C-alpha atoms as a PDB file:
ATOM      1  CA  UNK A   1     -16.781  30.106 -25.048  1.00  0.00           C
ATOM      2  CA  UNK A   2     -16.393  32.675 -22.155  1.00  0.00           C
ATOM      3  CA  UNK A   3     -18.752  30.767 -20.120  1.00  0.00           C
ATOM      4  CA  UNK A   4     -16.992  27.934 -20.792  1.00  0.00           C
ATOM      5  CA  UNK A   5     -13.537  29.216 -19.680  1.00  0.00           C
ATOM      6  CA  UNK A   6     -15.183  30.630 -16.715  1.00  0.00           C
ATOM      7  CA  UNK A   7     -16.963  27.954 -15.083  1.00  0.00           C
ATOM      8  CA  UNK A   8     -13.496  25.916 -15.454  1.00  0.00           C
ATOM      9  CA  UNK A   9     -11.429  28.672 -14.094  1.00  0.00           C
ATOM     10  CA  UNK A  10     -13.877  28.568 -10.918  1.00  0.00           C
ATOM     11  CA  UNK A  11     -14.108  24.786 -10.782  1.00  0.00           C
ATOM     12  CA  UNK A  12     -10.176  24.148 -10.747  1.00  0.00           C
ATOM     13  CA  UNK A  13      -9.932  27.481  -8.091  1.00  0.00           C
ATOM     14  CA  UNK A  14     -12.184  25.947  -5.837  1.00  0.00           C
ATOM     15  CA  UNK A  15     -11.406  24.183  -2.434  1.00  0.00           C
ATOM     16  CA  UNK A  16     -12.614  20.676  -3.456  1.00  0.00           C
ATOM     17  CA  UNK A  17     -10.554  20.397  -6.743  1.00  0.00           C
ATOM     18  CA  UNK A  18      -7.609  21.830  -5.241  1.00  0.00           C
ATOM     19  CA  UNK A  19      -4.738  19.538  -4.212  1.00  0.00           C
ATOM     20  CA  UNK A  20      -4.662  18.354  -0.714  1.00  0.00           C
ATOM     21  CA  UNK A  21      -1.218  19.391   0.339  1.00  0.00           C
ATOM     22  CA  UNK A  22      -1.090  17.009   3.310  1.00  0.00           C
ATOM     23  CA  UNK A  23      -2.005  13.891   1.094  1.00  0.00           C
ATOM     24  CA  UNK A  24       0.872  11.551   0.403  1.00  0.00           C
ATOM     25  CA  UNK A  25       1.435  10.218  -3.566  1.00  0.00           C
ATOM     26  CA  UNK A  26       3.671   7.870  -5.028  1.00  0.00           C
ATOM     27  CA  UNK A  27       6.692   9.020  -6.626  1.00  0.00           C
ATOM     28  CA  UNK A  28       6.732   8.580 -10.969  1.00  0.00           C
ATOM     29  CA  UNK A  29       9.506   5.436 -10.212  1.00  0.00           C
ATOM     30  CA  UNK A  30       6.835   3.781  -7.972  1.00  0.00           C
ATOM     31  CA  UNK A  31       3.930   4.814 -10.039  1.00  0.00           C
ATOM     32  CA  UNK A  32       5.663   2.933 -12.959  1.00  0.00           C
ATOM     33  CA  UNK A  33       6.585   0.336 -10.744  1.00  0.00           C
ATOM     34  CA  UNK A  34       2.804   0.058 -10.212  1.00  0.00           C
ATOM     35  CA  UNK A  35       1.691   0.543 -13.759  1.00  0.00           C
ATOM     36  CA  UNK A  36       3.819  -2.266 -14.972  1.00  0.00           C
ATOM     37  CA  UNK A  37       1.993  -4.606 -12.297  1.00  0.00           C
ATOM     38  CA  UNK A  38      -1.499  -3.681 -12.790  1.00  0.00           C
ATOM     39  CA  UNK A  39      -0.346  -4.636 -16.364  1.00  0.00           C
ATOM     40  CA  UNK A  40       0.610  -7.973 -15.759  1.00  0.00           C
ATOM     41  CA  UNK A  41      -2.677  -8.772 -13.574  1.00  0.00           C
ATOM     42  CA  UNK A  42      -4.283 -11.448 -16.201  1.00  0.00           C
ATOM     43  CA  UNK A  43      -8.293 -10.314 -16.092  1.00  0.00           C
ATOM     44  CA  UNK A  44      -9.466  -7.304 -17.377  1.00  0.00           C
ATOM     45  CA  UNK A  45     -11.546  -6.494 -14.247  1.00  0.00           C
ATOM     46  CA  UNK A  46      -8.705  -7.273 -12.270  1.00  0.00           C
ATOM     47  CA  UNK A  47      -6.802  -4.546 -13.510  1.00  0.00           C
ATOM     48  CA  UNK A  48      -9.786  -2.185 -13.570  1.00  0.00           C
ATOM     49  CA  UNK A  49      -9.960  -2.949 -10.133  1.00  0.00           C
ATOM     50  CA  UNK A  50      -6.597  -2.451  -9.293  1.00  0.00           C
ATOM     51  CA  UNK A  51      -6.369   1.050 -11.364  1.00  0.00           C
ATOM     52  CA  UNK A  52      -8.770   2.421  -9.099  1.00  0.00           C
ATOM     53  CA  UNK A  53      -7.503   1.433  -5.569  1.00  0.00           C
ATOM     54  CA  UNK A  54      -5.480   4.658  -3.294  1.00  0.00           C
ATOM     55  CA  UNK A  55      -1.736   5.139  -3.932  1.00  0.00           C
ATOM     56  CA  UNK A  56      -1.793   3.078  -0.443  1.00  0.00           C
ATOM     57  CA  UNK A  57      -3.329  -0.024  -1.760  1.00  0.00           C
ATOM     58  CA  UNK A  58      -1.360   0.022  -4.700  1.00  0.00           C
ATOM     59  CA  UNK A  59       1.895   0.615  -2.836  1.00  0.00           C
ATOM     60  CA  UNK A  60       1.082  -2.019  -0.208  1.00  0.00           C
ATOM     61  CA  UNK A  61       0.166  -4.741  -2.661  1.00  0.00           C
ATOM     62  CA  UNK A  62       2.405  -3.997  -5.903  1.00  0.00           C
ATOM     63  CA  UNK A  63       5.483  -2.602  -3.585  1.00  0.00           C
ATOM     64  CA  UNK A  64       5.749  -3.900  -0.141  1.00  0.00           C
ATOM     65  CA  UNK A  65       3.970  -7.500  -0.445  1.00  0.00           C
ATOM     66  CA  UNK A  66       7.060  -8.867  -2.315  1.00  0.00           C
ATOM     67  CA  UNK A  67       9.245  -7.520   0.729  1.00  0.00           C
ATOM     68  CA  UNK A  68       6.355  -8.589   3.167  1.00  0.00           C
ATOM     69  CA  UNK A  69       6.095 -12.720   2.027  1.00  0.00           C
ATOM     70  CA  UNK A  70       9.923 -12.652   2.113  1.00  0.00           C
ATOM     71  CA  UNK A  71      10.368 -11.450   5.762  1.00  0.00           C
ATOM     72  CA  UNK A  72       7.097 -12.851   7.156  1.00  0.00           C
ATOM     73  CA  UNK A  73       8.140 -16.116   5.490  1.00  0.00           C
ATOM     74  CA  UNK A  74      11.276 -15.982   7.223  1.00  0.00           C
ATOM     75  CA  UNK A  75       9.169 -15.681  10.617  1.00  0.00           C
ATOM     76  CA  UNK A  76       7.034 -18.531   9.629  1.00  0.00           C
ATOM     77  CA  UNK A  77       8.758 -20.773   7.077  1.00  0.00           C
ATOM     78  CA  UNK A  78       5.269 -22.262   5.939  1.00  0.00           C
ATOM     79  CA  UNK A  79       3.686 -18.811   5.561  1.00  0.00           C
ATOM     80  CA  UNK A  80       2.223 -19.105   2.257  1.00  0.00           C
ATOM     81  CA  UNK A  81      -0.343 -16.401   1.633  1.00  0.00           C
ATOM     82  CA  UNK A  82       0.093 -12.510   3.021  1.00  0.00           C
ATOM     83  CA  UNK A  83      -2.590  -9.977   2.911  1.00  0.00           C
ATOM     84  CA  UNK A  84      -2.167  -6.199   3.604  1.00  0.00           C
ATOM     85  CA  UNK A  85      -4.941  -3.656   4.252  1.00  0.00           C
ATOM     86  CA  UNK A  86      -8.616  -4.965   3.773  1.00  0.00           C
ATOM     87  CA  UNK A  87     -11.461  -3.307   1.924  1.00  0.00           C
ATOM     88  CA  UNK A  88     -11.962  -0.670   4.654  1.00  0.00           C
ATOM     89  CA  UNK A  89      -9.351   1.860   3.687  1.00  0.00           C
ATOM     90  CA  UNK A  90      -8.110   2.916   6.862  1.00  0.00           C
ATOM     91  CA  UNK A  91      -6.231  -0.109   7.179  1.00  0.00           C
ATOM     92  CA  UNK A  92      -3.869   1.139   5.456  1.00  0.00           C
ATOM     93  CA  UNK A  93      -1.985   4.489   4.884  1.00  0.00           C
ATOM     94  CA  UNK A  94       0.662   5.926   2.771  1.00  0.00           C
ATOM     95  CA  UNK A  95       2.518   8.234   5.092  1.00  0.00           C
ATOM     96  CA  UNK A  96       4.707   9.357   2.489  1.00  0.00           C
ATOM     97  CA  UNK A  97       5.827   8.581  -0.631  1.00  0.00           C
ATOM     98  CA  UNK A  98       9.354   6.692   1.379  1.00  0.00           C
ATOM     99  CA  UNK A  99       6.272   5.050   3.627  1.00  0.00           C
ATOM    100  CA  UNK A 100       3.366   2.687   4.087  1.00  0.00           C
ATOM    101  CA  UNK A 101       1.828   1.554   7.084  1.00  0.00           C
ATOM    102  CA  UNK A 102      -1.269  -0.516   8.170  1.00  0.00           C
ATOM    103  CA  UNK A 103      -2.566  -4.112   9.248  1.00  0.00           C
ATOM    104  CA  UNK A 104      -2.435  -7.169   7.686  1.00  0.00           C
ATOM    105  CA  UNK A 105      -2.546 -10.730   7.750  1.00  0.00           C
ATOM    106  CA  UNK A 106      -0.489 -14.186   7.482  1.00  0.00           C
ATOM    107  CA  UNK A 107      -1.619 -17.500   6.583  1.00  0.00           C
ATOM    108  CA  UNK A 108       0.740 -19.895   8.862  1.00  0.00           C
ATOM    109  CA  UNK A 109       0.417 -23.653   9.812  1.00  0.00           C
ATOM    110  CA  UNK A 110      -1.456 -21.949  12.539  1.00  0.00           C
ATOM    111  CA  UNK A 111      -3.901 -20.209  11.041  1.00  0.00           C
ATOM    112  CA  UNK A 112      -3.770 -16.736  10.378  1.00  0.00           C
ATOM    113  CA  UNK A 113      -1.745 -14.205  11.889  1.00  0.00           C
ATOM    114  CA  UNK A 114      -2.312 -10.467  12.591  1.00  0.00           C
ATOM    115  CA  UNK A 115       0.205  -7.914  12.667  1.00  0.00           C
ATOM    116  CA  UNK A 116       0.684  -4.029  11.728  1.00  0.00           C
ATOM    117  CA  UNK A 117       3.145  -2.712   9.524  1.00  0.00           C
ATOM    118  CA  UNK A 118       5.468  -0.398   8.387  1.00  0.00           C
ATOM    119  CA  UNK A 119       7.112  -0.786   4.894  1.00  0.00           C
ATOM    120  CA  UNK A 120       9.950   2.048   3.797  1.00  0.00           C
ATOM    121  CA  UNK A 121      10.082   2.625   0.115  1.00  0.00           C
ATOM    122  CA  UNK A 122      12.482   3.953  -1.679  1.00  0.00           C
ATOM    123  CA  UNK A 123      11.018   6.664  -4.079  1.00  0.00           C
ATOM    124  CA  UNK A 124      13.856   7.147  -5.928  1.00  0.00           C
ATOM    125  CA  UNK A 125      13.816   3.490  -7.433  1.00  0.00           C
ATOM    126  CA  UNK A 126      10.244   2.539  -6.364  1.00  0.00           C
ATOM    127  CA  UNK A 127      11.379  -0.385  -4.152  1.00  0.00           C
ATOM    128  CA  UNK A 128      10.506  -1.588  -0.744  1.00  0.00           C
ATOM    129  CA  UNK A 129      13.282  -1.377   1.208  1.00  0.00           C
ATOM    130  CA  UNK A 130      12.294  -2.188   5.020  1.00  0.00           C
ATOM    131  CA  UNK A 131       9.605  -4.100   6.281  1.00  0.00           C
ATOM    132  CA  UNK A 132       8.741  -3.829  10.099  1.00  0.00           C
ATOM    133  CA  UNK A 133       6.195  -5.770  11.689  1.00  0.00           C
ATOM    134  CA  UNK A 134       4.233  -5.835  15.179  1.00  0.00           C
ATOM    135  CA  UNK A 135       2.270  -8.843  16.340  1.00  0.00           C
ATOM    136  CA  UNK A 136      -0.935  -8.927  17.547  1.00  0.00           C
ATOM    137  CA  UNK A 137      -0.947 -12.703  18.974  1.00  0.00           C
ATOM    138  CA  UNK A 138       2.215 -14.522  17.080  1.00  0.00           C
ATOM    139  CA  UNK A 139       2.230 -18.277  19.028  1.00  0.00           C
ATOM    140  CA  UNK A 140       5.692 -18.056  20.744  1.00  0.00           C
ATOM    141  CA  UNK A 141       6.116 -13.888  20.459  1.00  0.00           C
ATOM    142  CA  UNK A 142       6.727 -12.113  23.276  1.00  0.00           C
ATOM    143  CA  UNK A 143       7.349  -7.979  23.040  1.00  0.00           C
ATOM    144  CA  UNK A 144      10.422  -7.093  24.492  1.00  0.00           C
ATOM    145  CA  UNK A 145      10.086  -3.705  27.039  1.00  0.00           C
ATOM    146  CA  UNK A 146      11.139  -0.843  25.215  1.00  0.00           C
END
């Protein structure tokens, strides 16, 4: 028993097992929304896959995407699909439990348009509060000098 307890304390004290202070995590309210949305997925395999996603991917998919879709439909009236991030984990970054940054795509009548985005989150309510995009090459878009 002593050996087992000593092994556990060594593992818990090791730097690899310690929580990294510079990695952001979702708030309890955000985790609640994510869990509810994962439970709504139709197939067990989908739920299993989604539960293994990073916090950044979970926030983008389940918290930001509904607001992103609404915002992008204002820009592209016939937009019907929005993807935030890709299978590459470097396309999404949970800056804090109040902001996700990354890249995405929206399908329009002119094809797929790429963009980078920032999604503002409320840690208290768990909801997305802002969604801002910077287009890569949107038709008719001319970025104003700052």
